[in-house]
């Protein structure tokens, strides 16, 4: 069972009786909502405000969390070129090539983090 908190983004689970059987504006299928209240002493313990501005309450098993984390960074060709030049000039690439030098060496993960950060 997933653990929810106020502010989480959720959807009605496809396994829920409310996914298809009770489809209406208060049980919107494939719609994002935000948890506004949780009362664990109630059977229908989770209050959700839907993007449609309607709200309803649900059992814990009726909802699923939505992954709101970014899926990754998309780089344009010109930005990739700029980052590769920056990596070469600053010596970030030396670690992978095995070249020695006075610069500190970074792991591949550190290089990727540095290249994709918004610095």
Protein backbone atom coordinates (compact mmCIF):
# COMPACT_ATOMS: atom_id res chain seq x y z
CA UNK A 1 0.00 0.00 0.00
CA UNK A 2 1.36 3.39 -0.95
CA UNK A 3 1.86 6.04 1.69
CA UNK A 4 0.16 9.35 0.95
CA UNK A 5 0.57 12.86 2.32
CA UNK A 6 -1.28 16.13 1.82
CA UNK A 7 -0.09 17.78 -1.41
CA UNK A 8 0.68 14.51 -3.24
CA UNK A 9 -0.48 14.23 -6.86
CA UNK A 10 -2.73 11.23 -7.42
CA UNK A 11 -5.07 9.53 -9.87
CA UNK A 12 -7.84 7.01 -9.42
CA UNK A 13 -6.30 3.52 -9.64
CA UNK A 14 -7.43 1.41 -12.59
CA UNK A 15 -8.29 -1.30 -10.04
CA UNK A 16 -10.68 1.03 -8.20
CA UNK A 17 -14.44 0.65 -8.53
CA UNK A 18 -14.48 4.41 -9.25
CA UNK A 19 -12.23 4.14 -12.32
CA UNK A 20 -15.02 3.08 -14.70
CA UNK A 21 -18.20 2.10 -12.86
CA UNK A 22 -18.87 5.45 -11.20
CA UNK A 23 -17.38 7.65 -13.91
CA UNK A 24 -18.58 11.24 -13.47
CA UNK A 25 -17.15 14.69 -12.80
CA UNK A 26 -16.50 13.72 -9.16
CA UNK A 27 -14.59 10.55 -10.13
CA UNK A 28 -12.66 11.67 -13.22
CA UNK A 29 -10.86 8.91 -15.09
CA UNK A 30 -7.17 9.56 -16.00
CA UNK A 31 -7.18 12.97 -14.34
CA UNK A 32 -4.60 14.37 -11.93
CA UNK A 33 -5.66 15.45 -8.47
CA UNK A 34 -4.08 16.80 -5.29
CA UNK A 35 -4.61 15.35 -1.83
CA UNK A 36 -6.09 18.07 0.37
CA UNK A 37 -6.76 16.13 3.58
CA UNK A 38 -6.16 12.72 5.13
CA UNK A 39 -8.24 11.41 8.03
CA UNK A 40 -7.06 7.90 8.89
CA UNK A 41 -10.02 7.38 11.22
CA UNK A 42 -12.46 7.46 8.29
CA UNK A 43 -13.08 4.65 5.76
CA UNK A 44 -12.96 7.16 2.90
CA UNK A 45 -9.93 8.86 4.39
CA UNK A 46 -8.32 10.75 1.49
CA UNK A 47 -9.82 13.97 0.13
CA UNK A 48 -8.77 14.84 -3.43
CA UNK A 49 -9.22 18.05 -5.41
CA UNK A 50 -9.25 17.19 -9.12
CA UNK A 51 -7.92 19.38 -11.95
CA UNK A 52 -11.57 19.80 -12.91
CA UNK A 53 -12.08 21.71 -9.60
CA UNK A 54 -14.35 18.95 -8.27
CA UNK A 55 -13.44 17.01 -5.17
CA UNK A 56 -14.26 13.68 -3.58
CA UNK A 57 -12.99 11.35 -0.86
CA UNK A 58 -11.53 7.88 -1.38
CA UNK A 59 -10.18 4.82 0.34
CA UNK A 60 -6.39 4.51 0.24
CA UNK A 61 -6.55 1.60 -2.22
CA UNK A 62 -8.58 3.69 -4.71
CA UNK A 63 -5.65 6.02 -5.48
CA UNK A 64 -2.18 5.84 -6.96
CA UNK A 65 0.63 8.35 -6.65
CA UNK A 66 1.72 10.15 -9.79
CA UNK A 67 5.44 10.41 -10.45
CA UNK A 68 6.03 14.15 -10.78
CA UNK A 69 9.79 13.94 -11.00
CA UNK A 70 11.35 15.08 -14.27
CA UNK A 71 12.03 12.18 -16.64
CA UNK A 72 15.41 13.54 -17.71
CA UNK A 73 17.10 16.41 -19.40
CA UNK A 74 16.65 17.04 -23.11
CA UNK A 75 19.62 18.71 -24.73
CA UNK A 76 19.66 20.47 -28.08
CA UNK A 77 22.49 19.71 -30.48
CA UNK A 78 24.07 23.13 -29.91
CA UNK A 79 23.83 22.80 -26.11
CA UNK A 80 25.40 19.34 -26.27
CA UNK A 81 28.25 20.73 -28.39
CA UNK A 82 28.76 23.57 -25.89
CA UNK A 83 28.85 21.14 -22.97
CA UNK A 84 31.28 18.78 -24.71
CA UNK A 85 33.64 21.66 -25.48
CA UNK A 86 33.38 22.80 -21.85
CA UNK A 87 34.16 19.25 -20.70
CA UNK A 88 37.21 19.02 -22.93
CA UNK A 89 38.59 22.46 -22.06
CA UNK A 90 38.20 22.00 -18.33
CA UNK A 91 39.64 18.50 -18.33
CA UNK A 92 36.51 16.70 -17.20
CA UNK A 93 37.08 14.11 -19.91
CA UNK A 94 40.60 13.25 -18.68
CA UNK A 95 39.28 10.81 -16.08
CA UNK A 96 37.70 8.51 -18.65
CA UNK A 97 40.64 8.67 -21.05
CA UNK A 98 43.14 7.77 -18.32
CA UNK A 99 45.34 10.80 -19.00
CA UNK A 100 47.21 12.15 -16.04
CA UNK A 101 47.41 15.77 -14.99
CA UNK A 102 47.11 18.11 -12.06
CA UNK A 103 43.33 18.56 -12.27
CA UNK A 104 41.13 16.55 -9.92
CA UNK A 105 39.30 13.75 -11.69
CA UNK A 106 35.53 13.27 -11.70
CA UNK A 107 33.47 10.13 -12.08
CA UNK A 108 31.16 9.71 -15.07
CA UNK A 109 28.18 10.36 -12.79
CA UNK A 110 29.73 13.62 -11.55
CA UNK A 111 30.46 14.71 -15.13
CA UNK A 112 26.87 14.04 -16.21
CA UNK A 113 25.52 15.89 -13.16
CA UNK A 114 27.75 18.88 -13.90
CA UNK A 115 26.90 18.90 -17.61
CA UNK A 116 23.16 18.78 -17.09
CA UNK A 117 22.93 21.19 -14.15
CA UNK A 118 21.68 24.70 -14.80
CA UNK A 119 24.90 26.45 -13.80
